[in-house]
Amino acid sequence: MSAVMGVSSINSAISAARSMGVEDAVGLSNDAKSNVGETASVSFKDVLFDAGKDMVGSVQKAEAMSIKGIKGEASAYDVASAVVEAEQSLKMAVAVRDKIVSAYLEISRMQI
């Protein structure tokens, strides 16, 4: 249940970043990596979106591996590795979300 709440929080943070039109080149997405020779202009919202997709993929992989473990098709090590990777990914996503909210609150308190 908490993984679902974390995923929805990440999705809402990504939606908020998209709606605010936050544009800041902070890294390379998969599309930008494939176009290294071209201009690599990546927006902050795209980076957040890619990170959210990676996190969701990690959680889905862990769920699938857990089901394989229950069926006896995967070793306990593989299941534990997938679950730990998903947990770390989710913790990172929550930390990023908290930093975004903190930065937004700090900016909203600034006097104009």
PDB file of N, CA and C in Angstrom:
ATOM      1  N   MET A   1       0.816  -1.184   0.000  1.00  0.00           N
ATOM      2  CA  MET A   1       0.000   0.000   0.000  1.00  0.00           C
ATOM      3  C   MET A   1       0.860   1.248   0.000  1.00  0.00           C
ATOM      4  N   SER A   2       1.959   1.275   0.781  1.00  0.00           N
ATOM      5  CA  SER A   2       2.801   2.463   0.841  1.00  0.00           C
ATOM      6  C   SER A   2       3.514   2.689  -0.483  1.00  0.00           C
ATOM      7  N   ALA A   3       3.830   1.615  -1.220  1.00  0.00           N
ATOM      8  CA  ALA A   3       4.468   1.786  -2.524  1.00  0.00           C
ATOM      9  C   ALA A   3       3.526   2.489  -3.482  1.00  0.00           C
ATOM     10  N   VAL A   4       2.240   2.159  -3.415  1.00  0.00           N
ATOM     11  CA  VAL A   4       1.270   2.794  -4.286  1.00  0.00           C
ATOM     12  C   VAL A   4       1.145   4.270  -3.933  1.00  0.00           C
ATOM     13  N   MET A   5       1.134   4.594  -2.636  1.00  0.00           N
ATOM     14  CA  MET A   5       1.053   5.991  -2.219  1.00  0.00           C
ATOM     15  C   MET A   5       2.305   6.736  -2.655  1.00  0.00           C
ATOM     16  N   GLY A   6       3.473   6.108  -2.590  1.00  0.00           N
ATOM     17  CA  GLY A   6       4.712   6.735  -3.027  1.00  0.00           C
ATOM     18  C   GLY A   6       4.708   6.997  -4.522  1.00  0.00           C
ATOM     19  N   VAL A   7       4.195   6.028  -5.299  1.00  0.00           N
ATOM     20  CA  VAL A   7       4.123   6.183  -6.745  1.00  0.00           C
ATOM     21  C   VAL A   7       3.177   7.322  -7.097  1.00  0.00           C
ATOM     22  N   SER A   8       2.032   7.388  -6.422  1.00  0.00           N
ATOM     23  CA  SER A   8       1.096   8.474  -6.720  1.00  0.00           C
ATOM     24  C   SER A   8       1.691   9.821  -6.319  1.00  0.00           C
ATOM     25  N   SER A   9       2.481   9.865  -5.255  1.00  0.00           N
ATOM     26  CA  SER A   9       3.136  11.112  -4.861  1.00  0.00           C
ATOM     27  C   SER A   9       4.143  11.551  -5.914  1.00  0.00           C
ATOM     28  N   ILE A  10       4.902  10.600  -6.440  1.00  0.00           N
ATOM     29  CA  ILE A  10       5.867  10.915  -7.486  1.00  0.00           C
ATOM     30  C   ILE A  10       5.141  11.388  -8.736  1.00  0.00           C
ATOM     31  N   ASN A  11       4.061  10.686  -9.109  1.00  0.00           N
ATOM     32  CA  ASN A  11       3.312  11.093 -10.289  1.00  0.00           C
ATOM     33  C   ASN A  11       2.726  12.486 -10.109  1.00  0.00           C
ATOM     34  N   SER A  12       2.254  12.815  -8.915  1.00  0.00           N
ATOM     35  CA  SER A  12       1.714  14.151  -8.692  1.00  0.00           C
ATOM     36  C   SER A  12       2.821  15.199  -8.716  1.00  0.00           C
ATOM     37  N   ALA A  13       4.019  14.862  -8.222  1.00  0.00           N
ATOM     38  CA  ALA A  13       5.144  15.800  -8.287  1.00  0.00           C
ATOM     39  C   ALA A  13       5.557  16.040  -9.733  1.00  0.00           C
ATOM     40  N   ILE A  14       5.544  14.986 -10.539  1.00  0.00           N
ATOM     41  CA  ILE A  14       5.882  15.128 -11.956  1.00  0.00           C
ATOM     42  C   ILE A  14       4.835  15.982 -12.649  1.00  0.00           C
ATOM     43  N   SER A  15       3.559  15.746 -12.349  1.00  0.00           N
ATOM     44  CA  SER A  15       2.492  16.549 -12.946  1.00  0.00           C
ATOM     45  C   SER A  15       2.616  18.011 -12.541  1.00  0.00           C
ATOM     46  N   ALA A  16       2.964  18.247 -11.277  1.00  0.00           N
ATOM     47  CA  ALA A  16       3.133  19.623 -10.811  1.00  0.00           C
ATOM     48  C   ALA A  16       4.292  20.293 -11.535  1.00  0.00           C
ATOM     49  N   ALA A  17       5.386  19.573 -11.726  1.00  0.00           N
ATOM     50  CA  ALA A  17       6.537  20.137 -12.435  1.00  0.00           C
ATOM     51  C   ALA A  17       6.169  20.450 -13.884  1.00  0.00           C
ATOM     52  N   ARG A  18       5.384  19.580 -14.502  1.00  0.00           N
ATOM     53  CA  ARG A  18       4.947  19.834 -15.876  1.00  0.00           C
ATOM     54  C   ARG A  18       4.050  21.061 -15.946  1.00  0.00           C
ATOM     55  N   SER A  19       3.118  21.173 -15.002  1.00  0.00           N
ATOM     56  CA  SER A  19       2.177  22.291 -15.049  1.00  0.00           C
ATOM     57  C   SER A  19       2.859  23.624 -14.753  1.00  0.00           C
ATOM     58  N   MET A  20       3.931  23.607 -13.945  1.00  0.00           N
ATOM     59  CA  MET A  20       4.648  24.844 -13.645  1.00  0.00           C
ATOM     60  C   MET A  20       5.549  25.259 -14.792  1.00  0.00           C
ATOM     61  N   GLY A  21       5.831  24.330 -15.711  1.00  0.00           N
ATOM     62  CA  GLY A  21       6.702  24.648 -16.831  1.00  0.00           C
ATOM     63  C   GLY A  21       8.133  24.869 -16.407  1.00  0.00           C
ATOM     64  N   VAL A  22       8.582  24.127 -15.413  1.00  0.00           N
ATOM     65  CA  VAL A  22       9.946  24.270 -14.912  1.00  0.00           C
ATOM     66  C   VAL A  22      10.902  23.795 -15.997  1.00  0.00           C
ATOM     67  N   GLU A  23      11.787  24.676 -16.439  1.00  0.00           N
ATOM     68  CA  GLU A  23      12.750  24.357 -17.479  1.00  0.00           C
ATOM     69  C   GLU A  23      14.156  24.586 -16.942  1.00  0.00           C
ATOM     70  N   ASP A  24      14.903  23.503 -16.785  1.00  0.00           N
ATOM     71  CA  ASP A  24      16.271  23.625 -16.302  1.00  0.00           C
ATOM     72  C   ASP A  24      17.037  22.400 -16.774  1.00  0.00           C
ATOM     73  N   ALA A  25      18.119  22.598 -17.470  1.00  0.00           N
ATOM     74  CA  ALA A  25      18.905  21.472 -17.960  1.00  0.00           C
ATOM     75  C   ALA A  25      19.750  20.929 -16.814  1.00  0.00           C
ATOM     76  N   VAL A  26      19.417  19.728 -16.334  1.00  0.00           N
ATOM     77  CA  VAL A  26      20.145  19.159 -15.209  1.00  0.00           C
ATOM     78  C   VAL A  26      20.760  17.809 -15.520  1.00  0.00           C
ATOM     79  N   GLY A  27      20.458  17.216 -16.652  1.00  0.00           N
ATOM     80  CA  GLY A  27      21.001  15.907 -16.956  1.00  0.00           C
ATOM     81  C   GLY A  27      20.540  15.464 -18.317  1.00  0.00           C
ATOM     82  N   LEU A  28      20.889  14.244 -18.682  1.00  0.00           N
ATOM     83  CA  LEU A  28      20.506  13.707 -19.973  1.00  0.00           C
ATOM     84  C   LEU A  28      19.498  12.586 -19.803  1.00  0.00           C
ATOM     85  N   SER A  29      18.386  12.680 -20.527  1.00  0.00           N
ATOM     86  CA  SER A  29      17.423  11.595 -20.542  1.00  0.00           C
ATOM     87  C   SER A  29      17.906  10.547 -21.540  1.00  0.00           C
ATOM     88  N   ASN A  30      17.180   9.438 -21.641  1.00  0.00           N
ATOM     89  CA  ASN A  30      17.573   8.397 -22.587  1.00  0.00           C
ATOM     90  C   ASN A  30      17.564   8.913 -24.014  1.00  0.00           C
ATOM     91  N   ASP A  31      16.582   9.754 -24.377  1.00  0.00           N
ATOM     92  CA  ASP A  31      16.524  10.318 -25.719  1.00  0.00           C
ATOM     93  C   ASP A  31      17.725  11.217 -25.980  1.00  0.00           C
ATOM     94  N   ALA A  32      18.100  12.015 -24.997  1.00  0.00           N
ATOM     95  CA  ALA A  32      19.232  12.920 -25.165  1.00  0.00           C
ATOM     96  C   ALA A  32      20.537  12.138 -25.261  1.00  0.00           C
ATOM     97  N   LYS A  33      20.646  11.024 -24.549  1.00  0.00           N
ATOM     98  CA  LYS A  33      21.866  10.214 -24.608  1.00  0.00           C
ATOM     99  C   LYS A  33      22.058   9.638 -26.003  1.00  0.00           C
ATOM    100  N   SER A  34      20.956   9.274 -26.669  1.00  0.00           N
ATOM    101  CA  SER A  34      21.070   8.703 -28.004  1.00  0.00           C
ATOM    102  C   SER A  34      21.411   9.765 -29.040  1.00  0.00           C
ATOM    103  N   ASN A  35      21.192  11.042 -28.730  1.00  0.00           N
ATOM    104  CA  ASN A  35      21.460  12.141 -29.648  1.00  0.00           C
ATOM    105  C   ASN A  35      22.626  12.995 -29.145  1.00  0.00           C
ATOM    106  N   VAL A  36      23.727  12.357 -28.815  1.00  0.00           N
ATOM    107  CA  VAL A  36      24.859  13.069 -28.229  1.00  0.00           C
ATOM    108  C   VAL A  36      25.403  14.106 -29.189  1.00  0.00           C
ATOM    109  N   GLY A  37      25.396  13.842 -30.486  1.00  0.00           N
ATOM    110  CA  GLY A  37      25.908  14.787 -31.471  1.00  0.00           C
ATOM    111  C   GLY A  37      25.019  16.000 -31.628  1.00  0.00           C
ATOM    112  N   GLU A  38      23.745  15.889 -31.268  1.00  0.00           N
ATOM    113  CA  GLU A  38      22.811  16.996 -31.411  1.00  0.00           C
ATOM    114  C   GLU A  38      22.804  17.845 -30.143  1.00  0.00           C
ATOM    115  N   THR A  39      22.080  18.942 -30.195  1.00  0.00           N
ATOM    116  CA  THR A  39      21.969  19.814 -29.027  1.00  0.00           C
ATOM    117  C   THR A  39      21.265  19.063 -27.912  1.00  0.00           C
ATOM    118  N   ALA A  40      21.885  19.020 -26.742  1.00  0.00           N
ATOM    119  CA  ALA A  40      21.342  18.271 -25.609  1.00  0.00           C
ATOM    120  C   ALA A  40      20.677  19.239 -24.633  1.00  0.00           C
ATOM    121  N   SER A  41      19.472  19.649 -24.966  1.00  0.00           N
ATOM    122  CA  SER A  41      18.713  20.534 -24.102  1.00  0.00           C
ATOM    123  C   SER A  41      17.596  19.711 -23.468  1.00  0.00           C
ATOM    124  N   VAL A  42      17.727  19.442 -22.183  1.00  0.00           N
ATOM    125  CA  VAL A  42      16.775  18.602 -21.474  1.00  0.00           C
ATOM    126  C   VAL A  42      16.160  19.422 -20.356  1.00  0.00           C
ATOM    127  N   SER A  43      14.848  19.316 -20.221  1.00  0.00           N
ATOM    128  CA  SER A  43      14.178  20.080 -19.182  1.00  0.00           C
ATOM    129  C   SER A  43      14.168  19.303 -17.868  1.00  0.00           C
ATOM    130  N   PHE A  44      14.022  20.045 -16.792  1.00  0.00           N
ATOM    131  CA  PHE A  44      13.964  19.455 -15.460  1.00  0.00           C
ATOM    132  C   PHE A  44      12.779  18.511 -15.335  1.00  0.00           C
ATOM    133  N   LYS A  45      11.659  18.894 -15.928  1.00  0.00           N
ATOM    134  CA  LYS A  45      10.464  18.047 -15.836  1.00  0.00           C
ATOM    135  C   LYS A  45      10.689  16.705 -16.539  1.00  0.00           C
ATOM    136  N   ASP A  46      11.453  16.701 -17.646  1.00  0.00           N
ATOM    137  CA  ASP A  46      11.741  15.445 -18.335  1.00  0.00           C
ATOM    138  C   ASP A  46      12.625  14.537 -17.489  1.00  0.00           C
ATOM    139  N   VAL A  47      13.581  15.145 -16.789  1.00  0.00           N
ATOM    140  CA  VAL A  47      14.455  14.373 -15.908  1.00  0.00           C
ATOM    141  C   VAL A  47      13.629  13.749 -14.776  1.00  0.00           C
ATOM    142  N   LEU A  48      12.726  14.551 -14.189  1.00  0.00           N
ATOM    143  CA  LEU A  48      11.859  14.020 -13.137  1.00  0.00           C
ATOM    144  C   LEU A  48      10.953  12.919 -13.667  1.00  0.00           C
ATOM    145  N   PHE A  49      10.422  13.127 -14.853  1.00  0.00           N
ATOM    146  CA  PHE A  49       9.537  12.126 -15.450  1.00  0.00           C
ATOM    147  C   PHE A  49      10.281  10.812 -15.680  1.00  0.00           C
ATOM    148  N   ASP A  50      11.506  10.900 -16.232  1.00  0.00           N
ATOM    149  CA  ASP A  50      12.307   9.690 -16.459  1.00  0.00           C
ATOM    150  C   ASP A  50      12.649   8.989 -15.147  1.00  0.00           C
ATOM    151  N   ALA A  51      12.970   9.761 -14.123  1.00  0.00           N
ATOM    152  CA  ALA A  51      13.284   9.172 -12.819  1.00  0.00           C
ATOM    153  C   ALA A  51      12.054   8.478 -12.239  1.00  0.00           C
ATOM    154  N   GLY A  52      10.894   9.083 -12.409  1.00  0.00           N
ATOM    155  CA  GLY A  52       9.651   8.464 -11.931  1.00  0.00           C
ATOM    156  C   GLY A  52       9.354   7.175 -12.667  1.00  0.00           C
ATOM    157  N   LYS A  53       9.574   7.167 -13.978  1.00  0.00           N
ATOM    158  CA  LYS A  53       9.348   5.947 -14.754  1.00  0.00           C
ATOM    159  C   LYS A  53      10.311   4.849 -14.326  1.00  0.00           C
ATOM    160  N   ASP A  54      11.569   5.214 -14.080  1.00  0.00           N
ATOM    161  CA  ASP A  54      12.552   4.227 -13.633  1.00  0.00           C
ATOM    162  C   ASP A  54      12.170   3.642 -12.278  1.00  0.00           C
ATOM    163  N   MET A  55      11.672   4.495 -11.382  1.00  0.00           N
ATOM    164  CA  MET A  55      11.267   4.039 -10.059  1.00  0.00           C
ATOM    165  C   MET A  55      10.075   3.096 -10.152  1.00  0.00           C
ATOM    166  N   VAL A  56       9.107   3.439 -10.967  1.00  0.00           N
ATOM    167  CA  VAL A  56       7.931   2.577 -11.129  1.00  0.00           C
ATOM    168  C   VAL A  56       8.348   1.242 -11.740  1.00  0.00           C
ATOM    169  N   GLY A  57       9.251   1.284 -12.717  1.00  0.00           N
ATOM    170  CA  GLY A  57       9.752   0.054 -13.325  1.00  0.00           C
ATOM    171  C   GLY A  57      10.466  -0.833 -12.315  1.00  0.00           C
ATOM    172  N   SER A  58      11.209  -0.225 -11.417  1.00  0.00           N
ATOM    173  CA  SER A  58      11.909  -0.972 -10.373  1.00  0.00           C
ATOM    174  C   SER A  58      10.931  -1.662  -9.428  1.00  0.00           C
ATOM    175  N   VAL A  59       9.870  -0.947  -9.065  1.00  0.00           N
ATOM    176  CA  VAL A  59       8.855  -1.526  -8.175  1.00  0.00           C
ATOM    177  C   VAL A  59       8.121  -2.667  -8.885  1.00  0.00           C
ATOM    178  N   GLN A  60       7.795  -2.480 -10.162  1.00  0.00           N
ATOM    179  CA  GLN A  60       7.111  -3.534 -10.915  1.00  0.00           C
ATOM    180  C   GLN A  60       8.002  -4.761 -11.073  1.00  0.00           C
ATOM    181  N   LYS A  61       9.305  -4.541 -11.292  1.00  0.00           N
ATOM    182  CA  LYS A  61      10.253  -5.653 -11.407  1.00  0.00           C
ATOM    183  C   LYS A  61      10.303  -6.437 -10.094  1.00  0.00           C
ATOM    184  N   ALA A  62      10.309  -5.706  -8.974  1.00  0.00           N
ATOM    185  CA  ALA A  62      10.342  -6.372  -7.666  1.00  0.00           C
ATOM    186  C   ALA A  62       9.072  -7.176  -7.431  1.00  0.00           C
ATOM    187  N   GLU A  63       7.922  -6.624  -7.831  1.00  0.00           N
ATOM    188  CA  GLU A  63       6.665  -7.367  -7.682  1.00  0.00           C
ATOM    189  C   GLU A  63       6.683  -8.645  -8.512  1.00  0.00           C
ATOM    190  N   ALA A  64       7.146  -8.533  -9.764  1.00  0.00           N
ATOM    191  CA  ALA A  64       7.212  -9.702 -10.641  1.00  0.00           C
ATOM    192  C   ALA A  64       8.182 -10.748 -10.090  1.00  0.00           C
ATOM    193  N   MET A  65       9.311 -10.290  -9.567  1.00  0.00           N
ATOM    194  CA  MET A  65      10.298 -11.215  -9.006  1.00  0.00           C
ATOM    195  C   MET A  65       9.744 -11.887  -7.753  1.00  0.00           C
ATOM    196  N   SER A  66       8.973 -11.168  -6.964  1.00  0.00           N
ATOM    197  CA  SER A  66       8.357 -11.750  -5.765  1.00  0.00           C
ATOM    198  C   SER A  66       7.383 -12.859  -6.149  1.00  0.00           C
ATOM    199  N   ILE A  67       6.610 -12.616  -7.187  1.00  0.00           N
ATOM    200  CA  ILE A  67       5.664 -13.641  -7.646  1.00  0.00           C
ATOM    201  C   ILE A  67       6.417 -14.864  -8.162  1.00  0.00           C
ATOM    202  N   LYS A  68       7.511 -14.627  -8.899  1.00  0.00           N
ATOM    203  CA  LYS A  68       8.336 -15.753  -9.361  1.00  0.00           C
ATOM    204  C   LYS A  68       8.911 -16.515  -8.176  1.00  0.00           C
ATOM    205  N   GLY A  69       9.299 -15.793  -7.128  1.00  0.00           N
ATOM    206  CA  GLY A  69       9.837 -16.447  -5.927  1.00  0.00           C
ATOM    207  C   GLY A  69       8.794 -17.306  -5.244  1.00  0.00           C
ATOM    208  N   ILE A  70       7.563 -16.819  -5.184  1.00  0.00           N
ATOM    209  CA  ILE A  70       6.481 -17.601  -4.574  1.00  0.00           C
ATOM    210  C   ILE A  70       6.222 -18.865  -5.375  1.00  0.00           C
ATOM    211  N   LYS A  71       6.304 -18.764  -6.703  1.00  0.00           N
ATOM    212  CA  LYS A  71       6.085 -19.922  -7.570  1.00  0.00           C
ATOM    213  C   LYS A  71       7.277 -20.869  -7.579  1.00  0.00           C
ATOM    214  N   GLY A  72       8.408 -20.433  -7.033  1.00  0.00           N
ATOM    215  CA  GLY A  72       9.608 -21.261  -7.008  1.00  0.00           C
ATOM    216  C   GLY A  72      10.440 -21.130  -8.266  1.00  0.00           C
ATOM    217  N   GLU A  73      10.188 -20.097  -9.069  1.00  0.00           N
ATOM    218  CA  GLU A  73      10.910 -19.896 -10.316  1.00  0.00           C
ATOM    219  C   GLU A  73      12.124 -18.988 -10.154  1.00  0.00           C
ATOM    220  N   ALA A  74      12.280 -18.369  -8.988  1.00  0.00           N
ATOM    221  CA  ALA A  74      13.411 -17.477  -8.744  1.00  0.00           C
ATOM    222  C   ALA A  74      13.996 -17.777  -7.366  1.00  0.00           C
ATOM    223  N   SER A  75      15.288 -17.538  -7.245  1.00  0.00           N
ATOM    224  CA  SER A  75      15.956 -17.788  -5.962  1.00  0.00           C
ATOM    225  C   SER A  75      15.619 -16.689  -4.960  1.00  0.00           C
ATOM    226  N   ALA A  76      15.835 -16.992  -3.702  1.00  0.00           N
ATOM    227  CA  ALA A  76      15.583 -16.014  -2.642  1.00  0.00           C
ATOM    228  C   ALA A  76      16.507 -14.810  -2.800  1.00  0.00           C
ATOM    229  N   TYR A  77      17.723 -15.031  -3.274  1.00  0.00           N
ATOM    230  CA  TYR A  77      18.672 -13.936  -3.489  1.00  0.00           C
ATOM    231  C   TYR A  77      18.152 -12.961  -4.544  1.00  0.00           C
ATOM    232  N   ASP A  78      17.635 -13.506  -5.657  1.00  0.00           N
ATOM    233  CA  ASP A  78      17.106 -12.649  -6.717  1.00  0.00           C
ATOM    234  C   ASP A  78      15.919 -11.829  -6.227  1.00  0.00           C
ATOM    235  N   VAL A  79      15.052 -12.462  -5.458  1.00  0.00           N
ATOM    236  CA  VAL A  79      13.884 -11.764  -4.919  1.00  0.00           C
ATOM    237  C   VAL A  79      14.325 -10.663  -3.963  1.00  0.00           C
ATOM    238  N   ALA A  80      15.237 -10.989  -3.059  1.00  0.00           N
ATOM    239  CA  ALA A  80      15.708 -10.005  -2.086  1.00  0.00           C
ATOM    240  C   ALA A  80      16.419  -8.845  -2.779  1.00  0.00           C
ATOM    241  N   SER A  81      17.221  -9.131  -3.789  1.00  0.00           N
ATOM    242  CA  SER A  81      17.920  -8.071  -4.523  1.00  0.00           C
ATOM    243  C   SER A  81      16.939  -7.132  -5.203  1.00  0.00           C
ATOM    244  N   ALA A  82      15.923  -7.686  -5.849  1.00  0.00           N
ATOM    245  CA  ALA A  82      14.931  -6.862  -6.537  1.00  0.00           C
ATOM    246  C   ALA A  82      14.139  -6.007  -5.550  1.00  0.00           C
ATOM    247  N   VAL A  83      13.786  -6.576  -4.403  1.00  0.00           N
ATOM    248  CA  VAL A  83      13.019  -5.825  -3.403  1.00  0.00           C
ATOM    249  C   VAL A  83      13.867  -4.720  -2.786  1.00  0.00           C
ATOM    250  N   VAL A  84      15.125  -4.986  -2.503  1.00  0.00           N
ATOM    251  CA  VAL A  84      16.005  -3.963  -1.929  1.00  0.00           C
ATOM    252  C   VAL A  84      16.228  -2.834  -2.940  1.00  0.00           C
ATOM    253  N   GLU A  85      16.410  -3.180  -4.213  1.00  0.00           N
ATOM    254  CA  GLU A  85      16.576  -2.162  -5.251  1.00  0.00           C
ATOM    255  C   GLU A  85      15.325  -1.284  -5.345  1.00  0.00           C
ATOM    256  N   ALA A  86      14.147  -1.896  -5.299  1.00  0.00           N
ATOM    257  CA  ALA A  86      12.898  -1.128  -5.352  1.00  0.00           C
ATOM    258  C   ALA A  86      12.750  -0.240  -4.121  1.00  0.00           C
ATOM    259  N   GLU A  87      13.139  -0.763  -2.965  1.00  0.00           N
ATOM    260  CA  GLU A  87      13.047   0.025  -1.733  1.00  0.00           C
ATOM    261  C   GLU A  87      13.962   1.242  -1.798  1.00  0.00           C
ATOM    262  N   GLN A  88      15.185   1.057  -2.265  1.00  0.00           N
ATOM    263  CA  GLN A  88      16.118   2.172  -2.385  1.00  0.00           C
ATOM    264  C   GLN A  88      15.618   3.199  -3.394  1.00  0.00           C
ATOM    265  N   SER A  89      15.066   2.712  -4.489  1.00  0.00           N
ATOM    266  CA  SER A  89      14.532   3.603  -5.513  1.00  0.00           C
ATOM    267  C   SER A  89      13.366   4.418  -4.970  1.00  0.00           C
ATOM    268  N   LEU A  90      12.503   3.775  -4.211  1.00  0.00           N
ATOM    269  CA  LEU A  90      11.354   4.467  -3.628  1.00  0.00           C
ATOM    270  C   LEU A  90      11.795   5.491  -2.584  1.00  0.00           C
ATOM    271  N   LYS A  91      12.787   5.134  -1.759  1.00  0.00           N
ATOM    272  CA  LYS A  91      13.300   6.080  -0.767  1.00  0.00           C
ATOM    273  C   LYS A  91      13.914   7.302  -1.445  1.00  0.00           C
ATOM    274  N   MET A  92      14.628   7.078  -2.542  1.00  0.00           N
ATOM    275  CA  MET A  92      15.226   8.185  -3.274  1.00  0.00           C
ATOM    276  C   MET A  92      14.138   9.079  -3.860  1.00  0.00           C
ATOM    277  N   ALA A  93      13.100   8.473  -4.406  1.00  0.00           N
ATOM    278  CA  ALA A  93      12.010   9.254  -4.985  1.00  0.00           C
ATOM    279  C   ALA A  93      11.298  10.085  -3.922  1.00  0.00           C
ATOM    280  N   VAL A  94      11.100   9.520  -2.758  1.00  0.00           N
ATOM    281  CA  VAL A  94      10.458  10.260  -1.663  1.00  0.00           C
ATOM    282  C   VAL A  94      11.357  11.402  -1.203  1.00  0.00           C
ATOM    283  N   ALA A  95      12.658  11.169  -1.146  1.00  0.00           N
ATOM    284  CA  ALA A  95      13.592  12.224  -0.741  1.00  0.00           C
ATOM    285  C   ALA A  95      13.589  13.366  -1.755  1.00  0.00           C
ATOM    286  N   VAL A  96      13.552  13.036  -3.042  1.00  0.00           N
ATOM    287  CA  VAL A  96      13.499  14.069  -4.080  1.00  0.00           C
ATOM    288  C   VAL A  96      12.196  14.850  -3.971  1.00  0.00           C
ATOM    289  N   ARG A  97      11.092  14.130  -3.764  1.00  0.00           N
ATOM    290  CA  ARG A  97       9.801  14.802  -3.600  1.00  0.00           C
ATOM    291  C   ARG A  97       9.828  15.759  -2.411  1.00  0.00           C
ATOM    292  N   ASP A  98      10.399  15.310  -1.300  1.00  0.00           N
ATOM    293  CA  ASP A  98      10.482  16.158  -0.110  1.00  0.00           C
ATOM    294  C   ASP A  98      11.317  17.411  -0.380  1.00  0.00           C
ATOM    295  N   LYS A  99      12.415  17.256  -1.121  1.00  0.00           N
ATOM    296  CA  LYS A  99      13.254  18.413  -1.454  1.00  0.00           C
ATOM    297  C   LYS A  99      12.510  19.384  -2.363  1.00  0.00           C
ATOM    298  N   ILE A 100      11.741  18.868  -3.308  1.00  0.00           N
ATOM    299  CA  ILE A 100      10.971  19.727  -4.202  1.00  0.00           C
ATOM    300  C   ILE A 100       9.926  20.507  -3.416  1.00  0.00           C
ATOM    301  N   VAL A 101       9.228  19.827  -2.529  1.00  0.00           N
ATOM    302  CA  VAL A 101       8.214  20.496  -1.711  1.00  0.00           C
ATOM    303  C   VAL A 101       8.869  21.530  -0.804  1.00  0.00           C
ATOM    304  N   SER A 102       9.995  21.183  -0.203  1.00  0.00           N
ATOM    305  CA  SER A 102      10.711  22.107   0.668  1.00  0.00           C
ATOM    306  C   SER A 102      11.157  23.352  -0.098  1.00  0.00           C
ATOM    307  N   ALA A 103      11.684  23.151  -1.298  1.00  0.00           N
ATOM    308  CA  ALA A 103      12.124  24.288  -2.113  1.00  0.00           C
ATOM    309  C   ALA A 103      10.938  25.154  -2.507  1.00  0.00           C
ATOM    310  N   TYR A 104       9.828  24.535  -2.859  1.00  0.00           N
ATOM    311  CA  TYR A 104       8.631  25.291  -3.214  1.00  0.00           C
ATOM    312  C   TYR A 104       8.139  26.129  -2.033  1.00  0.00           C
ATOM    313  N   LEU A 105       8.118  25.526  -0.856  1.00  0.00           N
ATOM    314  CA  LEU A 105       7.667  26.260   0.323  1.00  0.00           C
ATOM    315  C   LEU A 105       8.600  27.413   0.660  1.00  0.00           C
ATOM    316  N   GLU A 106       9.895  27.189   0.493  1.00  0.00           N
ATOM    317  CA  GLU A 106      10.863  28.248   0.765  1.00  0.00           C
ATOM    318  C   GLU A 106      10.700  29.401  -0.219  1.00  0.00           C
ATOM    319  N   ILE A 107      10.497  29.072  -1.474  1.00  0.00           N
ATOM    320  CA  ILE A 107      10.296  30.104  -2.490  1.00  0.00           C
ATOM    321  C   ILE A 107       9.003  30.866  -2.228  1.00  0.00           C
ATOM    322  N   SER A 108       7.965  30.156  -1.811  1.00  0.00           N
ATOM    323  CA  SER A 108       6.675  30.820  -1.569  1.00  0.00           C
ATOM    324  C   SER A 108       6.732  31.750  -0.358  1.00  0.00           C
ATOM    325  N   ARG A 109       7.673  31.547   0.547  1.00  0.00           N
ATOM    326  CA  ARG A 109       7.817  32.425   1.719  1.00  0.00           C
ATOM    327  C   ARG A 109       8.658  33.659   1.432  1.00  0.00           C
ATOM    328  N   MET A 110       9.323  33.696   0.281  1.00  0.00           N
ATOM    329  CA  MET A 110      10.175  34.852  -0.040  1.00  0.00           C
ATOM    330  C   MET A 110       9.310  36.092  -0.247  1.00  0.00           C
ATOM    331  N   GLN A 111       9.850  37.197   0.193  1.00  0.00           N
ATOM    332  CA  GLN A 111       9.163  38.469  -0.022  1.00  0.00           C
ATOM    333  C   GLN A 111       9.547  39.023  -1.388  1.00  0.00           C
ATOM    334  N   ILE A 112       8.570  39.570  -2.019  1.00  0.00           N
ATOM    335  CA  ILE A 112       8.817  40.105  -3.375  1.00  0.00           C
ATOM    336  C   ILE A 112       9.048  41.589  -3.285  1.00  0.00           C
TER     337      ILE A 112
END
